[in-house]
Each structure stands twice: as structure tokens, then as C-alpha cells.
C-alpha atoms as a PDB file:
ATOM      1  CA  UNK A   1     -35.853  18.744  16.934  1.00  0.00           C
ATOM      2  CA  UNK A   2     -33.098  18.521  19.272  1.00  0.00           C
ATOM      3  CA  UNK A   3     -34.797  20.095  21.974  1.00  0.00           C
ATOM      4  CA  UNK A   4     -37.466  17.259  22.060  1.00  0.00           C
ATOM      5  CA  UNK A   5     -35.366  14.354  21.749  1.00  0.00           C
ATOM      6  CA  UNK A   6     -32.685  15.758  24.137  1.00  0.00           C
ATOM      7  CA  UNK A   7     -34.415  14.056  26.955  1.00  0.00           C
ATOM      8  CA  UNK A   8     -33.896  10.617  25.441  1.00  0.00           C
ATOM      9  CA  UNK A   9     -31.151  10.882  23.263  1.00  0.00           C
ATOM     10  CA  UNK A  10     -27.488  11.348  24.588  1.00  0.00           C
ATOM     11  CA  UNK A  11     -25.778  13.769  21.860  1.00  0.00           C
ATOM     12  CA  UNK A  12     -22.532  13.820  23.330  1.00  0.00           C
ATOM     13  CA  UNK A  13     -22.353   9.560  23.086  1.00  0.00           C
ATOM     14  CA  UNK A  14     -24.294   9.846  19.682  1.00  0.00           C
ATOM     15  CA  UNK A  15     -21.574  12.039  17.774  1.00  0.00           C
ATOM     16  CA  UNK A  16     -18.880  10.032  19.348  1.00  0.00           C
ATOM     17  CA  UNK A  17     -20.653   7.280  17.479  1.00  0.00           C
ATOM     18  CA  UNK A  18     -21.194   8.334  14.025  1.00  0.00           C
ATOM     19  CA  UNK A  19     -17.130   9.908  14.070  1.00  0.00           C
ATOM     20  CA  UNK A  20     -15.814   6.566  15.279  1.00  0.00           C
ATOM     21  CA  UNK A  21     -18.460   4.388  12.477  1.00  0.00           C
ATOM     22  CA  UNK A  22     -16.902   7.381   9.748  1.00  0.00           C
ATOM     23  CA  UNK A  23     -13.766   7.098  10.419  1.00  0.00           C
ATOM     24  CA  UNK A  24     -13.385   3.339  10.505  1.00  0.00           C
ATOM     25  CA  UNK A  25     -15.378   2.862   7.811  1.00  0.00           C
ATOM     26  CA  UNK A  26     -13.935   5.132   5.450  1.00  0.00           C
ATOM     27  CA  UNK A  27     -10.554   4.236   6.759  1.00  0.00           C
ATOM     28  CA  UNK A  28     -10.951   1.085   5.978  1.00  0.00           C
ATOM     29  CA  UNK A  29     -12.035   1.426   2.530  1.00  0.00           C
ATOM     30  CA  UNK A  30      -8.731   3.942   2.381  1.00  0.00           C
ATOM     31  CA  UNK A  31      -6.249   1.960   3.537  1.00  0.00           C
ATOM     32  CA  UNK A  32      -7.787  -1.481   1.312  1.00  0.00           C
ATOM     33  CA  UNK A  33      -6.957   0.800  -1.857  1.00  0.00           C
ATOM     34  CA  UNK A  34      -3.474   1.993  -0.447  1.00  0.00           C
ATOM     35  CA  UNK A  35      -3.391  -1.882  -0.206  1.00  0.00           C
ATOM     36  CA  UNK A  36      -4.051  -2.342  -3.955  1.00  0.00           C
ATOM     37  CA  UNK A  37      -1.695   0.569  -5.020  1.00  0.00           C
ATOM     38  CA  UNK A  38       1.135  -1.307  -3.308  1.00  0.00           C
ATOM     39  CA  UNK A  39       0.228  -4.150  -4.899  1.00  0.00           C
ATOM     40  CA  UNK A  40      -0.139  -2.260  -8.356  1.00  0.00           C
ATOM     41  CA  UNK A  41       3.715  -1.109  -7.873  1.00  0.00           C
ATOM     42  CA  UNK A  42       5.049  -4.404  -6.754  1.00  0.00           C
ATOM     43  CA  UNK A  43       3.534  -6.097  -9.754  1.00  0.00           C
ATOM     44  CA  UNK A  44       3.929  -3.690 -12.497  1.00  0.00           C
ATOM     45  CA  UNK A  45       4.255  -4.515 -16.185  1.00  0.00           C
ATOM     46  CA  UNK A  46       7.507  -4.089 -17.820  1.00  0.00           C
ATOM     47  CA  UNK A  47       7.680  -0.834 -19.581  1.00  0.00           C
ATOM     48  CA  UNK A  48       8.788  -0.553 -23.005  1.00  0.00           C
ATOM     49  CA  UNK A  49      10.774   2.292 -24.421  1.00  0.00           C
ATOM     50  CA  UNK A  50      14.679   3.358 -23.975  1.00  0.00           C
ATOM     51  CA  UNK A  51      15.438   3.181 -20.556  1.00  0.00           C
ATOM     52  CA  UNK A  52      17.341   7.111 -20.729  1.00  0.00           C
ATOM     53  CA  UNK A  53      14.792   8.718 -23.151  1.00  0.00           C
ATOM     54  CA  UNK A  54      17.222   7.657 -26.188  1.00  0.00           C
ATOM     55  CA  UNK A  55      16.114   6.109 -29.710  1.00  0.00           C
ATOM     56  CA  UNK A  56      15.333   2.570 -29.677  1.00  0.00           C
ATOM     57  CA  UNK A  57      17.741  -0.148 -30.714  1.00  0.00           C
ATOM     58  CA  UNK A  58      18.355  -0.971 -34.586  1.00  0.00           C
ATOM     59  CA  UNK A  59      14.999  -3.769 -35.132  1.00  0.00           C
ATOM     60  CA  UNK A  60      12.192  -1.037 -33.062  1.00  0.00           C
ATOM     61  CA  UNK A  61      12.242  -2.766 -30.005  1.00  0.00           C
ATOM     62  CA  UNK A  62      12.387  -1.219 -26.520  1.00  0.00           C
ATOM     63  CA  UNK A  63      14.390  -2.568 -24.320  1.00  0.00           C
ATOM     64  CA  UNK A  64      11.867  -3.845 -21.332  1.00  0.00           C
ATOM     65  CA  UNK A  65      12.534  -2.743 -17.623  1.00  0.00           C
ATOM     66  CA  UNK A  66      10.882  -4.147 -14.787  1.00  0.00           C
ATOM     67  CA  UNK A  67      10.553  -2.311 -11.554  1.00  0.00           C
ATOM     68  CA  UNK A  68      13.299  -1.929  -9.527  1.00  0.00           C
ATOM     69  CA  UNK A  69      13.745  -4.193  -6.083  1.00  0.00           C
ATOM     70  CA  UNK A  70      13.234  -0.777  -4.007  1.00  0.00           C
ATOM     71  CA  UNK A  71      10.096  -0.354  -6.354  1.00  0.00           C
ATOM     72  CA  UNK A  72       9.413  -3.666  -5.358  1.00  0.00           C
ATOM     73  CA  UNK A  73      10.040  -3.652  -1.918  1.00  0.00           C
ATOM     74  CA  UNK A  74       7.705  -0.293  -1.327  1.00  0.00           C
ATOM     75  CA  UNK A  75       4.898  -1.766  -3.051  1.00  0.00           C
ATOM     76  CA  UNK A  76       5.275  -5.124  -1.387  1.00  0.00           C
ATOM     77  CA  UNK A  77       5.956  -3.016   1.790  1.00  0.00           C
ATOM     78  CA  UNK A  78       2.841  -0.757   1.628  1.00  0.00           C
ATOM     79  CA  UNK A  79       0.005  -3.391   0.751  1.00  0.00           C
ATOM     80  CA  UNK A  80       1.458  -5.650   3.833  1.00  0.00           C
ATOM     81  CA  UNK A  81       0.736  -2.787   6.483  1.00  0.00           C
ATOM     82  CA  UNK A  82      -2.589  -1.699   5.004  1.00  0.00           C
ATOM     83  CA  UNK A  83      -3.560  -5.154   4.776  1.00  0.00           C
ATOM     84  CA  UNK A  84      -2.802  -5.769   8.034  1.00  0.00           C
ATOM     85  CA  UNK A  85      -4.496  -2.105   9.446  1.00  0.00           C
ATOM     86  CA  UNK A  86      -7.665  -3.670   7.578  1.00  0.00           C
ATOM     87  CA  UNK A  87      -7.577  -6.920   8.781  1.00  0.00           C
ATOM     88  CA  UNK A  88      -6.852  -5.390  12.328  1.00  0.00           C
ATOM     89  CA  UNK A  89      -9.933  -3.092  12.372  1.00  0.00           C
ATOM     90  CA  UNK A  90     -11.962  -5.896  11.026  1.00  0.00           C
ATOM     91  CA  UNK A  91     -10.861  -8.113  14.375  1.00  0.00           C
ATOM     92  CA  UNK A  92     -11.438  -5.470  16.977  1.00  0.00           C
ATOM     93  CA  UNK A  93     -14.835  -5.438  15.581  1.00  0.00           C
ATOM     94  CA  UNK A  94     -15.406  -8.560  15.758  1.00  0.00           C
ATOM     95  CA  UNK A  95     -13.830  -8.265  19.216  1.00  0.00           C
ATOM     96  CA  UNK A  96     -16.025  -5.321  20.422  1.00  0.00           C
ATOM     97  CA  UNK A  97     -19.337  -7.452  18.977  1.00  0.00           C
ATOM     98  CA  UNK A  98     -18.406 -10.488  21.230  1.00  0.00           C
ATOM     99  CA  UNK A  99     -17.802  -8.346  24.241  1.00  0.00           C
ATOM    100  CA  UNK A 100     -20.559  -6.369  24.268  1.00  0.00           C
ATOM    101  CA  UNK A 101     -22.132  -5.932  27.604  1.00  0.00           C
ATOM    102  CA  UNK A 102     -25.300  -7.236  27.816  1.00  0.00           C
ATOM    103  CA  UNK A 103     -28.812  -5.243  28.368  1.00  0.00           C
ATOM    104  CA  UNK A 104     -30.460  -4.904  31.800  1.00  0.00           C
ATOM    105  CA  UNK A 105     -32.433  -7.716  32.591  1.00  0.00           C
ATOM    106  CA  UNK A 106     -36.319  -7.373  31.888  1.00  0.00           C
ATOM    107  CA  UNK A 107     -37.738  -6.673  35.302  1.00  0.00           C
ATOM    108  CA  UNK A 108     -40.074  -9.162  36.589  1.00  0.00           C
ATOM    109  CA  UNK A 109     -43.884  -8.376  35.859  1.00  0.00           C
ATOM    110  CA  UNK A 110     -45.344  -7.164  39.135  1.00  0.00           C
ATOM    111  CA  UNK A 111     -48.319  -9.713  41.038  1.00  0.00           C
ATOM    112  CA  UNK A 112     -51.284  -8.075  42.394  1.00  0.00           C
ATOM    113  CA  UNK A 113     -50.415  -8.070  46.281  1.00  0.00           C
ATOM    114  CA  UNK A 114     -53.377  -7.942  48.581  1.00  0.00           C
ATOM    115  CA  UNK A 115     -52.786  -7.005  52.100  1.00  0.00           C
ATOM    116  CA  UNK A 116     -53.325  -9.753  54.305  1.00  0.00           C
ATOM    117  CA  UNK A 117     -55.249  -7.660  57.203  1.00  0.00           C
ATOM    118  CA  UNK A 118     -57.018  -6.093  54.307  1.00  0.00           C
ATOM    119  CA  UNK A 119     -61.066  -6.383  53.492  1.00  0.00           C
ATOM    120  CA  UNK A 120     -60.738  -6.124  49.876  1.00  0.00           C
ATOM    121  CA  UNK A 121     -60.929  -9.679  48.209  1.00  0.00           C
ATOM    122  CA  UNK A 122     -59.633 -10.735  44.476  1.00  0.00           C
ATOM    123  CA  UNK A 123     -62.533 -11.417  42.429  1.00  0.00           C
ATOM    124  CA  UNK A 124     -60.904 -12.946  39.496  1.00  0.00           C
ATOM    125  CA  UNK A 125     -57.087 -14.261  38.727  1.00  0.00           C
ATOM    126  CA  UNK A 126     -55.284 -14.879  35.602  1.00  0.00           C
ATOM    127  CA  UNK A 127     -53.714 -18.616  36.874  1.00  0.00           C
END
């Protein structure tokens, strides 16, 4: 198949296009997943239980521990960076689509030209 299509298809360009599409498509999904993971860390619910593995207090209720400020900041930073990467890839894609070079103009249809000194007569015309 490669031998038959080689005169028609530029396989080097085709591989480049496929790799960029795979990297951009899968990359955006991975970054979006990490963005959601960062938001999960930043907004994780309070944990129940003793803070140092000891026993609970006398009433049987555990202590509520919210995520630390560092964990919240790390989660928000991770989600912000990954969200900006996702928006940036979308913006680059839209920019690339708007700046796509125009295709070559169609060649005008050639008309039948009868040489001036010729003895040929035009019998039918499409006009």
C-alpha cells in the first residue's frame, strides 16, 4: 500500500500530523484530568479521626481536619496551571484554523482557441 500511495501521499508530513494530533488530543485530556485532581486536593473534605492515630475523644466523635494551607495552595496551583495549558492549546488550535493558508485558486477553464490563419471552422459553441 505504501508503494502505491507514495506518489500521492507525503508520508513524512502524514506522520508529523498524526503525532501532533495524538499529543494534542491526549495531552489536553491528561492536563484536564490533572486540573480536576488539583481541584479535588484543594477542596477535599475534612478527614475524620484522630490526627495522630490515637484514640478518639470521650464522645466518640473524631476531630475534623481540613486540608492544610499548603495542600490547598498546591491543589489550586496545579489546577490553574493545567487549566491554562488546556485553554492555551484551544487558543492555539483556533488561531491555527484562522491562519490556515488558502488553497490554490482554481485554474480557469481553458477555452477553445482557433488560430487566426487556420482554415478550421467552429461549428458549435457553448454560448
